[in-house]
C-alpha atoms as a PDB file:
ATOM      1  CA  MET A   1     -19.713 100.110 113.570  1.00  0.00           C
ATOM      2  CA  SER A   2     -17.070  97.394 113.830  1.00  0.00           C
ATOM      3  CA  PRO A   3     -14.176  97.249 111.338  1.00  0.00           C
ATOM      4  CA  GLU A   4     -15.523  93.935 110.031  1.00  0.00           C
ATOM      5  CA  ALA A   5     -18.969  95.425 109.332  1.00  0.00           C
ATOM      6  CA  GLN A   6     -17.313  98.359 107.572  1.00  0.00           C
ATOM      7  CA  LYS A   7     -15.289  95.945 105.458  1.00  0.00           C
ATOM      8  CA  LEU A   8     -18.431  94.064 104.370  1.00  0.00           C
ATOM      9  CA  LEU A   9     -20.224  97.351 103.669  1.00  0.00           C
ATOM     10  CA  THR A  10     -17.388  98.446 101.378  1.00  0.00           C
ATOM     11  CA  ALA A  11     -17.587  95.153  99.443  1.00  0.00           C
ATOM     12  CA  LEU A  12     -21.378  95.492  99.141  1.00  0.00           C
ATOM     13  CA  LYS A  13     -21.146  99.051  97.847  1.00  0.00           C
ATOM     14  CA  ARG A  14     -18.741  97.942  95.127  1.00  0.00           C
ATOM     15  CA  ARG A  15     -21.519  95.682  93.824  1.00  0.00           C
ATOM     16  CA  ARG A  16     -24.275  98.263  94.114  1.00  0.00           C
ATOM     17  CA  THR A  17     -26.455  98.751  91.038  1.00  0.00           C
ATOM     18  CA  GLU A  18     -29.320 101.094  90.174  1.00  0.00           C
ATOM     19  CA  ASN A  19     -31.638  98.583  91.810  1.00  0.00           C
ATOM     20  CA  ARG A  20     -31.951  99.357  95.529  1.00  0.00           C
ATOM     21  CA  ARG A  21     -32.163  95.642  96.339  1.00  0.00           C
ATOM     22  CA  GLN A  22     -29.268  93.212  96.224  1.00  0.00           C
ATOM     23  CA  THR A  23     -29.754  89.449  96.288  1.00  0.00           C
ATOM     24  CA  LEU A  24     -28.386  87.034  98.854  1.00  0.00           C
ATOM     25  CA  GLU A  25     -26.063  85.679  96.152  1.00  0.00           C
ATOM     26  CA  THR A  26     -24.506  89.156  95.835  1.00  0.00           C
ATOM     27  CA  VAL A  27     -24.250  89.443  99.624  1.00  0.00           C
ATOM     28  CA  ILE A  28     -22.389  86.118  99.868  1.00  0.00           C
ATOM     29  CA  GLU A  29     -20.093  87.137  97.024  1.00  0.00           C
ATOM     30  CA  ALA A  30     -19.300  90.388  98.858  1.00  0.00           C
ATOM     31  CA  TYR A  31     -18.661  88.506 102.099  1.00  0.00           C
ATOM     32  CA  TYR A  32     -16.153  86.167 100.425  1.00  0.00           C
ATOM     33  CA  HIS A  33     -14.466  89.131  98.770  1.00  0.00           C
ATOM     34  CA  ALA A  34     -14.148  90.917 102.104  1.00  0.00           C
ATOM     35  CA  PHE A  35     -13.056  87.801 103.993  1.00  0.00           C
ATOM     36  CA  PRO A  36     -11.535  85.295 101.520  1.00  0.00           C
ATOM     37  CA  GLU A  37      -9.845  83.427 104.365  1.00  0.00           C
ATOM     38  CA  ARG A  38     -13.242  82.439 105.793  1.00  0.00           C
ATOM     39  CA  ARG A  39     -14.524  80.416 102.837  1.00  0.00           C
ATOM     40  CA  GLU A  40     -14.028  77.075 104.606  1.00  0.00           C
ATOM     41  CA  ARG A  41     -15.184  78.108 108.063  1.00  0.00           C
ATOM     42  CA  ALA A  42     -18.298  76.429 109.435  1.00  0.00           C
ATOM     43  CA  ASP A  43     -19.598  79.607 111.099  1.00  0.00           C
ATOM     44  CA  GLN A  44     -19.606  81.815 107.993  1.00  0.00           C
ATOM     45  CA  ARG A  45     -23.445  82.038 107.907  1.00  0.00           C
ATOM     46  CA  ASP A  46     -23.504  83.109 111.557  1.00  0.00           C
ATOM     47  CA  GLN A  47     -20.894  85.779 110.856  1.00  0.00           C
ATOM     48  CA  THR A  48     -22.690  86.990 107.741  1.00  0.00           C
ATOM     49  CA  ARG A  49     -25.990  87.356 109.591  1.00  0.00           C
ATOM     50  CA  SER A  50     -24.335  89.081 112.538  1.00  0.00           C
ATOM     51  CA  LEU A  51     -22.628  91.625 110.291  1.00  0.00           C
ATOM     52  CA  LEU A  52     -25.825  92.305 108.304  1.00  0.00           C
ATOM     53  CA  VAL A  53     -27.760  92.934 111.511  1.00  0.00           C
ATOM     54  CA  GLU A  54     -25.019  95.327 112.618  1.00  0.00           C
ATOM     55  CA  LEU A  55     -25.232  97.181 109.292  1.00  0.00           C
ATOM     56  CA  GLU A  56     -28.997  97.480 109.636  1.00  0.00           C
ATOM     57  CA  GLN A  57     -28.680  98.849 113.169  1.00  0.00           C
ATOM     58  CA  ALA A  58     -26.236 101.427 111.815  1.00  0.00           C
ATOM     59  CA  GLY A  59     -28.798 102.496 109.219  1.00  0.00           C
ATOM     60  CA  GLU A  60     -26.653 101.359 106.282  1.00  0.00           C
ATOM     61  CA  ILE A  61     -29.029  98.676 104.942  1.00  0.00           C
ATOM     62  CA  VAL A  62     -32.607  97.473 105.336  1.00  0.00           C
ATOM     63  CA  LEU A  63     -33.360  93.780 105.968  1.00  0.00           C
ATOM     64  CA  PRO A  64     -36.636  91.971 105.133  1.00  0.00           C
ATOM     65  CA  LYS A  65     -39.339  92.238 107.797  1.00  0.00           C
ATOM     66  CA  GLY A  66     -41.381  89.060 107.194  1.00  0.00           C
ATOM     67  CA  LYS A  67     -40.223  85.454 107.285  1.00  0.00           C
ATOM     68  CA  ASP A  68     -40.882  85.119 103.542  1.00  0.00           C
ATOM     69  CA  GLY A  69     -37.882  87.351 102.943  1.00  0.00           C
ATOM     70  CA  TRP A  70     -35.482  84.953 104.657  1.00  0.00           C
ATOM     71  CA  GLN A  71     -33.767  81.718 103.673  1.00  0.00           C
ATOM     72  CA  ALA A  72     -34.628  79.511 106.637  1.00  0.00           C
ATOM     73  CA  ALA A  73     -32.237  76.629 106.025  1.00  0.00           C
ATOM     74  CA  PRO A  74     -29.490  75.922 106.724  1.00  0.00           C
ATOM     75  CA  ALA A  75     -29.552  77.739 110.051  1.00  0.00           C
ATOM     76  CA  PRO A  76     -29.140  80.518 110.847  1.00  0.00           C
ATOM     77  CA  ALA A  77     -31.613  82.174 108.457  1.00  0.00           C
ATOM     78  CA  LEU A  78     -30.181  84.690 106.018  1.00  0.00           C
ATOM     79  CA  PRO A  79     -32.064  87.430 104.133  1.00  0.00           C
ATOM     80  CA  LEU A  80     -32.982  86.650 100.532  1.00  0.00           C
ATOM     81  CA  TRP A  81     -32.139  90.270  99.815  1.00  0.00           C
ATOM     82  CA  ILE A  82     -30.890  93.452 101.412  1.00  0.00           C
ATOM     83  CA  GLN A  83     -32.029  96.917 100.446  1.00  0.00           C
ATOM     84  CA  TRP A  84     -30.245 100.239 100.433  1.00  0.00           C
ATOM     85  CA  PRO A  85     -32.090 102.956 102.354  1.00  0.00           C
ATOM     86  CA  ALA A  86     -33.980 105.538 100.332  1.00  0.00           C
ATOM     87  CA  GLU A  87     -31.824 108.572  99.690  1.00  0.00           C
ATOM     88  CA  ALA A  88     -32.906 111.755 101.356  1.00  0.00           C
ATOM     89  CA  ALA A  89     -34.548 114.233  99.032  1.00  0.00           C
ATOM     90  CA  THR A  90     -32.243 117.013  97.926  1.00  0.00           C
ATOM     91  CA  SER A  91     -33.077 120.606  97.340  1.00  0.00           C
ATOM     92  CA  THR A  92     -31.681 120.583  93.801  1.00  0.00           C
ATOM     93  CA  PRO A  93     -34.260 122.278  91.582  1.00  0.00           C
ATOM     94  CA  LYS A  94     -35.926 120.039  89.035  1.00  0.00           C
ATOM     95  CA  LEU A  95     -34.775 120.567  85.462  1.00  0.00           C
ATOM     96  CA  ASP A  96     -37.396 122.363  83.351  1.00  0.00           C
ATOM     97  CA  HIS A  97     -36.634 120.674  80.040  1.00  0.00           C
ATOM     98  CA  ARG A  98     -39.003 122.979  78.115  1.00  0.00           C
ATOM     99  CA  SER A  99     -37.078 126.152  78.965  1.00  0.00           C
ATOM    100  CA  PHE A 100     -33.583 124.691  79.316  1.00  0.00           C
ATOM    101  CA  PRO A 101     -31.158 126.107  76.675  1.00  0.00           C
ATOM    102  CA  TRP A 102     -30.425 122.793  74.944  1.00  0.00           C
ATOM    103  CA  ILE A 103     -27.537 122.528  72.514  1.00  0.00           C
ATOM    104  CA  ALA A 104     -28.664 122.336  68.857  1.00  0.00           C
ATOM    105  CA  GLU A 105     -28.593 118.526  68.644  1.00  0.00           C
ATOM    106  CA  LEU A 106     -30.953 118.287  71.634  1.00  0.00           C
ATOM    107  CA  ARG A 107     -33.448 121.081  70.985  1.00  0.00           C
ATOM    108  CA  PHE A 108     -36.105 118.467  70.223  1.00  0.00           C
ATOM    109  CA  VAL A 109     -36.089 117.516  73.924  1.00  0.00           C
ATOM    110  CA  ALA A 110     -38.000 120.738  74.730  1.00  0.00           C
ATOM    111  CA  SER A 111     -41.011 119.359  72.826  1.00  0.00           C
ATOM    112  CA  PHE A 112     -41.329 116.260  75.024  1.00  0.00           C
ATOM    113  CA  PRO A 113     -44.337 116.306  77.409  1.00  0.00           C
ATOM    114  CA  SER A 114     -42.082 114.945  80.160  1.00  0.00           C
ATOM    115  CA  LEU A 115     -38.715 113.283  80.732  1.00  0.00           C
ATOM    116  CA  ARG A 116     -38.357 109.965  82.507  1.00  0.00           C
ATOM    117  CA  ASP A 117     -34.796 110.809  83.554  1.00  0.00           C
ATOM    118  CA  PRO A 118     -33.745 114.418  82.852  1.00  0.00           C
ATOM    119  CA  GLU A 119     -30.163 113.575  83.832  1.00  0.00           C
ATOM    120  CA  VAL A 120     -29.671 111.526  80.647  1.00  0.00           C
ATOM    121  CA  PRO A 121     -30.132 114.319  78.071  1.00  0.00           C
ATOM    122  CA  ARG A 122     -28.435 116.762  80.455  1.00  0.00           C
ATOM    123  CA  ARG A 123     -25.239 114.682  80.504  1.00  0.00           C
ATOM    124  CA  ILE A 124     -25.313 114.344  76.717  1.00  0.00           C
ATOM    125  CA  HIS A 125     -25.818 118.116  76.485  1.00  0.00           C
ATOM    126  CA  ASP A 126     -22.785 118.740  78.683  1.00  0.00           C
ATOM    127  CA  PHE A 127     -20.703 116.310  76.623  1.00  0.00           C
ATOM    128  CA  LEU A 128     -21.592 117.972  73.318  1.00  0.00           C
ATOM    129  CA  LYS A 129     -21.274 121.496  74.704  1.00  0.00           C
ATOM    130  CA  ALA A 130     -17.733 120.781  75.828  1.00  0.00           C
ATOM    131  CA  ASP A 131     -15.518 119.128  73.215  1.00  0.00           C
ATOM    132  CA  GLY A 132     -17.807 116.211  72.353  1.00  0.00           C
ATOM    133  CA  ARG A 133     -18.025 116.952  68.635  1.00  0.00           C
ATOM    134  CA  GLN A 134     -14.244 116.709  68.285  1.00  0.00           C
ATOM    135  CA  ARG A 135     -13.687 113.585  70.361  1.00  0.00           C
ATOM    136  CA  PRO A 136     -12.314 110.451  68.678  1.00  0.00           C
ATOM    137  CA  PHE A 137     -14.704 107.588  67.944  1.00  0.00           C
ATOM    138  CA  VAL A 138     -14.711 104.893  70.633  1.00  0.00           C
ATOM    139  CA  PRO A 139     -16.757 101.727  71.330  1.00  0.00           C
ATOM    140  CA  ILE A 140     -20.233 102.434  72.723  1.00  0.00           C
ATOM    141  CA  LYS A 141     -19.503 100.874  76.116  1.00  0.00           C
ATOM    142  CA  GLU A 142     -16.515 103.172  76.654  1.00  0.00           C
ATOM    143  CA  ARG A 143     -18.582 106.278  75.905  1.00  0.00           C
ATOM    144  CA  SER A 144     -21.412 104.949  78.065  1.00  0.00           C
ATOM    145  CA  TRP A 145     -19.044 104.562  81.007  1.00  0.00           C
ATOM    146  CA  GLU A 146     -17.786 108.109  80.522  1.00  0.00           C
ATOM    147  CA  LEU A 147     -21.265 109.654  80.309  1.00  0.00           C
ATOM    148  CA  PHE A 148     -23.282 107.582  82.766  1.00  0.00           C
ATOM    149  CA  GLY A 149     -20.829 105.594  84.888  1.00  0.00           C
ATOM    150  CA  GLU A 150     -22.354 102.361  83.561  1.00  0.00           C
ATOM    151  CA  GLU A 151     -20.937 100.633  80.500  1.00  0.00           C
ATOM    152  CA  LYS A 152     -24.280  99.167  79.351  1.00  0.00           C
ATOM    153  CA  ALA A 153     -26.506 102.203  79.961  1.00  0.00           C
ATOM    154  CA  LEU A 154     -26.167 103.685  76.481  1.00  0.00           C
ATOM    155  CA  GLU A 155     -27.210 100.419  74.835  1.00  0.00           C
ATOM    156  CA  THR A 156     -30.583 100.797  76.577  1.00  0.00           C
ATOM    157  CA  ILE A 157     -30.865 104.562  76.125  1.00  0.00           C
ATOM    158  CA  LYS A 158     -30.331 104.327  72.356  1.00  0.00           C
ATOM    159  CA  LYS A 159     -33.537 102.268  72.081  1.00  0.00           C
ATOM    160  CA  GLY A 160     -35.598 105.088  73.597  1.00  0.00           C
ATOM    161  CA  PRO A 161     -37.082 108.391  72.377  1.00  0.00           C
ATOM    162  CA  LEU A 162     -33.800 110.329  72.356  1.00  0.00           C
ATOM    163  CA  PHE A 163     -32.523 108.156  69.516  1.00  0.00           C
ATOM    164  CA  GLN A 164     -35.616 108.034  67.315  1.00  0.00           C
ATOM    165  CA  PRO A 165     -35.060 108.805  63.593  1.00  0.00           C
ATOM    166  CA  GLY A 166     -34.092 112.423  63.038  1.00  0.00           C
ATOM    167  CA  ARG A 167     -32.878 112.899  66.626  1.00  0.00           C
ATOM    168  CA  LEU A 168     -29.654 111.678  68.229  1.00  0.00           C
ATOM    169  CA  SER A 169     -27.367 109.015  66.811  1.00  0.00           C
ATOM    170  CA  LEU A 170     -24.292 107.234  68.083  1.00  0.00           C
ATOM    171  CA  GLU A 171     -22.327 109.330  65.629  1.00  0.00           C
ATOM    172  CA  HIS A 172     -23.301 112.439  67.608  1.00  0.00           C
ATOM    173  CA  LEU A 173     -21.741 110.834  70.677  1.00  0.00           C
ATOM    174  CA  ARG A 174     -18.687 109.807  68.672  1.00  0.00           C
ATOM    175  CA  CYS A 175     -19.066 106.105  69.379  1.00  0.00           C
ATOM    176  CA  TYR A 176     -20.006 102.896  67.602  1.00  0.00           C
ATOM    177  CA  GLU A 177     -21.260  99.393  68.334  1.00  0.00           C
ATOM    178  CA  VAL A 178     -18.568  96.752  68.229  1.00  0.00           C
ATOM    179  CA  ALA A 179     -19.483  93.927  65.882  1.00  0.00           C
ATOM    180  CA  ALA A 180     -19.563  90.506  67.502  1.00  0.00           C
ATOM    181  CA  SER A 181     -16.679  88.230  66.593  1.00  0.00           C
ATOM    182  CA  LEU A 182     -16.642  84.444  66.622  1.00  0.00           C
ATOM    183  CA  PRO A 183     -14.000  81.851  67.485  1.00  0.00           C
ATOM    184  CA  CYS A 184     -12.684  80.261  64.302  1.00  0.00           C
ATOM    185  CA  ARG A 185      -9.872  77.937  63.315  1.00  0.00           C
ATOM    186  CA  PRO A 186      -8.416  77.915  59.801  1.00  0.00           C
ATOM    187  CA  GLY A 187      -8.007  74.565  58.148  1.00  0.00           C
ATOM    188  CA  PRO A 188      -4.669  73.006  57.195  1.00  0.00           C
ATOM    189  CA  PRO A 189      -2.830  73.855  53.971  1.00  0.00           C
ATOM    190  CA  GLY A 190      -4.574  72.294  51.012  1.00  0.00           C
ATOM    191  CA  ALA A 191      -8.071  72.514  52.482  1.00  0.00           C
ATOM    192  CA  ALA A 192     -10.131  74.085  49.719  1.00  0.00           C
ATOM    193  CA  GLY A 193     -13.723  73.375  50.754  1.00  0.00           C
ATOM    194  CA  PRO A 194     -16.049  76.060  52.143  1.00  0.00           C
ATOM    195  CA  TRP A 195     -15.826  77.354  55.688  1.00  0.00           C
ATOM    196  CA  LEU A 196     -18.058  75.438  58.085  1.00  0.00           C
ATOM    197  CA  ILE A 197     -20.109  77.136  60.826  1.00  0.00           C
ATOM    198  CA  VAL A 198     -21.152  74.880  63.717  1.00  0.00           C
ATOM    199  CA  GLU A 199     -23.514  75.800  66.515  1.00  0.00           C
ATOM    200  CA  ASN A 200     -21.940  74.429  69.707  1.00  0.00           C
ATOM    201  CA  GLU A 201     -18.547  74.226  71.431  1.00  0.00           C
ATOM    202  CA  ALA A 202     -18.129  70.431  71.520  1.00  0.00           C
ATOM    203  CA  THR A 203     -18.849  70.137  67.802  1.00  0.00           C
ATOM    204  CA  PHE A 204     -16.405  72.971  67.108  1.00  0.00           C
ATOM    205  CA  ASP A 205     -13.676  71.085  68.945  1.00  0.00           C
ATOM    206  CA  SER A 206     -14.326  67.753  67.218  1.00  0.00           C
ATOM    207  CA  PHE A 207     -14.714  69.191  63.728  1.00  0.00           C
ATOM    208  CA  THR A 208     -11.536  71.281  63.956  1.00  0.00           C
ATOM    209  CA  ARG A 209      -9.575  68.186  65.029  1.00  0.00           C
ATOM    210  CA  TRP A 210     -11.163  66.135  62.264  1.00  0.00           C
ATOM    211  CA  ASN A 211     -10.580  68.835  59.652  1.00  0.00           C
ATOM    212  CA  LYS A 212      -6.825  68.692  60.278  1.00  0.00           C
ATOM    213  CA  GLU A 213      -6.913  65.117  59.042  1.00  0.00           C
ATOM    214  CA  VAL A 214      -9.425  65.224  56.196  1.00  0.00           C
ATOM    215  CA  LYS A 215      -8.761  68.807  54.948  1.00  0.00           C
ATOM    216  CA  GLU A 216     -12.436  69.195  54.106  1.00  0.00           C
ATOM    217  CA  HIS A 217     -12.938  72.871  55.046  1.00  0.00           C
ATOM    218  CA  ARG A 218     -10.896  76.038  54.810  1.00  0.00           C
ATOM    219  CA  GLY A 219     -11.800  76.549  58.436  1.00  0.00           C
ATOM    220  CA  VAL A 220     -14.387  75.976  61.140  1.00  0.00           C
ATOM    221  CA  ILE A 221     -16.317  78.763  62.892  1.00  0.00           C
ATOM    222  CA  LEU A 222     -18.132  78.508  66.233  1.00  0.00           C
ATOM    223  CA  GLY A 223     -21.520  80.180  65.714  1.00  0.00           C
ATOM    224  CA  ASN A 224     -22.459  79.850  69.405  1.00  0.00           C
ATOM    225  CA  GLY A 225     -26.233  79.823  68.963  1.00  0.00           C
ATOM    226  CA  PHE A 226     -27.825  83.168  68.146  1.00  0.00           C
ATOM    227  CA  THR A 227     -24.476  84.982  68.533  1.00  0.00           C
ATOM    228  CA  VAL A 228     -23.668  84.264  64.890  1.00  0.00           C
ATOM    229  CA  GLN A 229     -26.548  86.491  63.784  1.00  0.00           C
ATOM    230  CA  ARG A 230     -24.872  89.496  65.425  1.00  0.00           C
ATOM    231  CA  ALA A 231     -21.554  88.845  63.701  1.00  0.00           C
ATOM    232  CA  GLU A 232     -22.446  89.949  60.167  1.00  0.00           C
ATOM    233  CA  SER A 233     -19.408  92.210  59.676  1.00  0.00           C
ATOM    234  CA  PHE A 234     -17.055  89.578  61.064  1.00  0.00           C
ATOM    235  CA  LEU A 235     -18.378  86.907  58.685  1.00  0.00           C
ATOM    236  CA  LEU A 236     -18.341  89.218  55.667  1.00  0.00           C
ATOM    237  CA  ASP A 237     -14.673  90.023  56.322  1.00  0.00           C
ATOM    238  CA  LEU A 238     -13.649  86.455  57.101  1.00  0.00           C
ATOM    239  CA  LEU A 239     -15.495  84.876  54.188  1.00  0.00           C
ATOM    240  CA  GLU A 240     -14.515  87.709  51.828  1.00  0.00           C
ATOM    241  CA  GLY A 241     -17.932  87.872  50.216  1.00  0.00           C
ATOM    242  CA  GLU A 242     -18.208  84.130  49.731  1.00  0.00           C
ATOM    243  CA  GLY A 243     -20.607  81.717  51.365  1.00  0.00           C
ATOM    244  CA  ALA A 244     -20.196  78.982  53.953  1.00  0.00           C
ATOM    245  CA  GLN A 245     -21.837  75.774  55.135  1.00  0.00           C
ATOM    246  CA  TYR A 246     -23.721  75.489  58.409  1.00  0.00           C
ATOM    247  CA  PHE A 247     -24.326  72.548  60.732  1.00  0.00           C
ATOM    248  CA  GLY A 248     -26.467  72.882  63.860  1.00  0.00           C
ATOM    249  CA  ASP A 249     -28.969  71.182  66.135  1.00  0.00           C
ATOM    250  CA  LEU A 250     -32.194  69.899  64.601  1.00  0.00           C
ATOM    251  CA  ASP A 251     -34.492  71.754  66.960  1.00  0.00           C
ATOM    252  CA  GLU A 252     -36.504  74.805  65.965  1.00  0.00           C
ATOM    253  CA  PRO A 253     -33.974  77.473  67.079  1.00  0.00           C
ATOM    254  CA  GLY A 254     -31.177  75.452  65.457  1.00  0.00           C
ATOM    255  CA  CYS A 255     -33.048  75.611  62.145  1.00  0.00           C
ATOM    256  CA  GLU A 256     -34.168  79.238  62.410  1.00  0.00           C
ATOM    257  CA  ILE A 257     -30.624  80.499  63.093  1.00  0.00           C
ATOM    258  CA  PRO A 258     -28.994  79.447  59.764  1.00  0.00           C
ATOM    259  CA  TYR A 259     -32.141  80.343  57.798  1.00  0.00           C
ATOM    260  CA  GLU A 260     -32.046  83.929  59.092  1.00  0.00           C
ATOM    261  CA  LEU A 261     -28.248  84.063  58.845  1.00  0.00           C
ATOM    262  CA  ASP A 262     -28.419  83.086  55.168  1.00  0.00           C
ATOM    263  CA  ARG A 263     -30.942  85.856  54.469  1.00  0.00           C
ATOM    264  CA  LYS A 264     -28.914  88.508  56.300  1.00  0.00           C
ATOM    265  CA  HIS A 265     -25.571  87.451  54.848  1.00  0.00           C
ATOM    266  CA  THR A 266     -26.771  87.506  51.240  1.00  0.00           C
ATOM    267  CA  ARG A 267     -28.586  90.801  51.789  1.00  0.00           C
ATOM    268  CA  LYS A 268     -25.276  92.314  52.953  1.00  0.00           C
ATOM    269  CA  GLY A 269     -23.509  91.154  49.789  1.00  0.00           C
ATOM    270  CA  GLY A 270     -22.092  87.840  50.969  1.00  0.00           C
ATOM    271  CA  GLY A 271     -22.558  84.402  49.458  1.00  0.00           C
ATOM    272  CA  ARG A 272     -25.141  81.849  50.530  1.00  0.00           C
ATOM    273  CA  ILE A 273     -25.004  80.113  53.913  1.00  0.00           C
ATOM    274  CA  THR A 274     -26.033  76.606  52.891  1.00  0.00           C
ATOM    275  CA  PRO A 275     -26.767  73.466  54.918  1.00  0.00           C
ATOM    276  CA  ALA A 276     -23.882  71.030  55.352  1.00  0.00           C
ATOM    277  CA  THR A 277     -26.110  68.306  53.930  1.00  0.00           C
ATOM    278  CA  ILE A 278     -23.843  65.342  54.605  1.00  0.00           C
ATOM    279  CA  TYR A 279     -23.502  66.240  58.302  1.00  0.00           C
ATOM    280  CA  TYR A 280     -27.254  66.645  58.680  1.00  0.00           C
ATOM    281  CA  GLU A 281     -27.674  63.229  57.041  1.00  0.00           C
ATOM    282  CA  TRP A 282     -25.200  61.789  59.540  1.00  0.00           C
ATOM    283  CA  LEU A 283     -27.091  63.447  62.410  1.00  0.00           C
ATOM    284  CA  LEU A 284     -30.420  62.002  61.275  1.00  0.00           C
ATOM    285  CA  GLU A 285     -28.775  58.599  60.984  1.00  0.00           C
ATOM    286  CA  ALA A 286     -27.019  58.835  64.357  1.00  0.00           C
ATOM    287  CA  CYS A 287     -30.315  59.707  66.084  1.00  0.00           C
ATOM    288  CA  ARG A 288     -32.244  57.069  64.095  1.00  0.00           C
ATOM    289  CA  VAL A 289     -34.771  59.479  62.665  1.00  0.00           C
ATOM    290  CA  PRO A 290     -36.821  57.374  60.221  1.00  0.00           C
ATOM    291  CA  GLU A 291     -37.166  58.096  56.535  1.00  0.00           C
ATOM    292  CA  VAL A 292     -40.345  60.073  55.900  1.00  0.00           C
ATOM    293  CA  THR A 293     -42.041  60.371  52.528  1.00  0.00           C
ATOM    294  CA  GLU A 294     -44.927  62.669  53.465  1.00  0.00           C
ATOM    295  CA  PRO A 295     -44.921  66.080  55.219  1.00  0.00           C
ATOM    296  CA  VAL A 296     -45.485  65.662  58.962  1.00  0.00           C
ATOM    297  CA  GLY A 297     -47.146  68.996  59.736  1.00  0.00           C
ATOM    298  CA  ASN A 298     -47.361  72.643  58.804  1.00  0.00           C
ATOM    299  CA  ALA A 299     -44.060  73.643  57.249  1.00  0.00           C
ATOM    300  CA  LYS A 300     -42.188  76.529  58.867  1.00  0.00           C
ATOM    301  CA  SER A 301     -40.467  79.075  56.635  1.00  0.00           C
ATOM    302  CA  TRP A 302     -37.013  77.829  57.696  1.00  0.00           C
ATOM    303  CA  LEU A 303     -37.724  74.374  56.232  1.00  0.00           C
ATOM    304  CA  ALA A 304     -37.108  75.743  52.725  1.00  0.00           C
ATOM    305  CA  TRP A 305     -33.448  76.301  53.692  1.00  0.00           C
ATOM    306  CA  PHE A 306     -32.859  72.539  53.663  1.00  0.00           C
ATOM    307  CA  PRO A 307     -32.602  70.536  50.427  1.00  0.00           C
ATOM    308  CA  GLU A 308     -35.913  69.051  49.383  1.00  0.00           C
ATOM    309  CA  SER A 309     -34.608  65.518  49.952  1.00  0.00           C
ATOM    310  CA  LEU A 310     -34.218  66.196  53.694  1.00  0.00           C
ATOM    311  CA  ARG A 311     -37.213  68.406  54.495  1.00  0.00           C
ATOM    312  CA  ASN A 312     -39.739  65.787  55.608  1.00  0.00           C
ATOM    313  CA  ARG A 313     -37.170  63.985  57.756  1.00  0.00           C
ATOM    314  CA  VAL A 314     -35.894  67.227  59.285  1.00  0.00           C
ATOM    315  CA  GLN A 315     -39.447  68.276  60.069  1.00  0.00           C
ATOM    316  CA  CYS A 316     -40.000  64.922  61.759  1.00  0.00           C
ATOM    317  CA  ALA A 317     -36.765  65.317  63.777  1.00  0.00           C
ATOM    318  CA  VAL A 318     -37.664  68.810  65.002  1.00  0.00           C
ATOM    319  CA  GLY A 319     -41.011  67.516  66.222  1.00  0.00           C
ATOM    320  CA  LEU A 320     -39.505  64.781  68.412  1.00  0.00           C
ATOM    321  CA  SER A 321     -39.700  65.086  72.197  1.00  0.00           C
ATOM    322  CA  LYS A 322     -35.885  65.168  72.157  1.00  0.00           C
ATOM    323  CA  PRO A 323     -34.727  66.720  68.851  1.00  0.00           C
ATOM    324  CA  PRO A 324     -31.312  65.570  67.554  1.00  0.00           C
ATOM    325  CA  PRO A 325     -28.366  67.555  69.007  1.00  0.00           C
ATOM    326  CA  GLN A 326     -25.384  68.009  66.722  1.00  0.00           C
ATOM    327  CA  GLU A 327     -23.154  66.458  69.414  1.00  0.00           C
ATOM    328  CA  ALA A 328     -24.467  63.077  68.222  1.00  0.00           C
ATOM    329  CA  VAL A 329     -22.051  63.512  65.306  1.00  0.00           C
ATOM    330  CA  GLY A 330     -18.998  63.667  67.546  1.00  0.00           C
ATOM    331  CA  TRP A 331     -15.334  62.781  67.337  1.00  0.00           C
ATOM    332  CA  GLU A 332     -15.808  59.017  67.240  1.00  0.00           C
ATOM    333  CA  TRP A 333     -18.556  59.281  64.614  1.00  0.00           C
ATOM    334  CA  LEU A 334     -16.292  61.462  62.469  1.00  0.00           C
ATOM    335  CA  LEU A 335     -13.420  59.014  62.773  1.00  0.00           C
ATOM    336  CA  ALA A 336     -15.701  56.134  61.738  1.00  0.00           C
ATOM    337  CA  HIS A 337     -16.972  58.049  58.701  1.00  0.00           C
ATOM    338  CA  SER A 338     -13.719  59.639  57.567  1.00  0.00           C
ATOM    339  CA  THR A 339     -13.406  57.326  54.614  1.00  0.00           C
END
């Protein structure tokens, strides 16, 4: 095998996942990593194909057999994926989970009819049998990397049978989930109004600039779509048990997010998350949503989050082919309405 093929193989192996197949996008990324000086060369596709063929001939990878597995244009054709060869079967005896001497926390495993991956409980067993019970608490991804060599593995494993009620917990593995945090910008001195949560980045930028001038809010928080719903602890600490106002898009997800956030925040002991009514009025005006006196369809549960005076119009806005995005109330709109 040529040194160049070996170099590409090393870059490919660094990107190897549990999936035996790797996409062409990953292959190209590996090629550029191995040969960064070749990014601008016209023959890079020819070189990539040549090296992949060499790796297949060496038995290191498997390339697609039919033409459907190849990207025909631009020439030369490149494989839409490569595949790692199947690993040879080993003679390691299969773990008999029913008779294995599990540590106390894992004795329930012996009652399972079968195990999808015996290596998972076995590694947890080894961790606990060593000094696991005395280890310091760390974030879940750090413990996952230690146990399984993959930082996200434990997040999936904890949703399975090993972590059902009465079995394992993250506390057993001396780790915890890190609460999501959100970008936020405190307001200027003298700003006494409630914190404002906005859904998108552009609105966050414009409202923080505007708030420096008008001193309307104690600060502005970027909710970033559904991310805000995973940041309960962060919001409780930041808001110190008080509530906040919310301003988002007038599409269905944009209305469901603050409705659910309000319910979760109050259930955790925080104050209400209420609609920033004036900004929603501006958004309806900016997008020329007409005044509506009658309900326009079956009301969703989130509609009750809005003040009664806005519900029909909001419902009309959400039903439009292009619902109003909060970016319609941007920097220039805010400047024009500052007074």
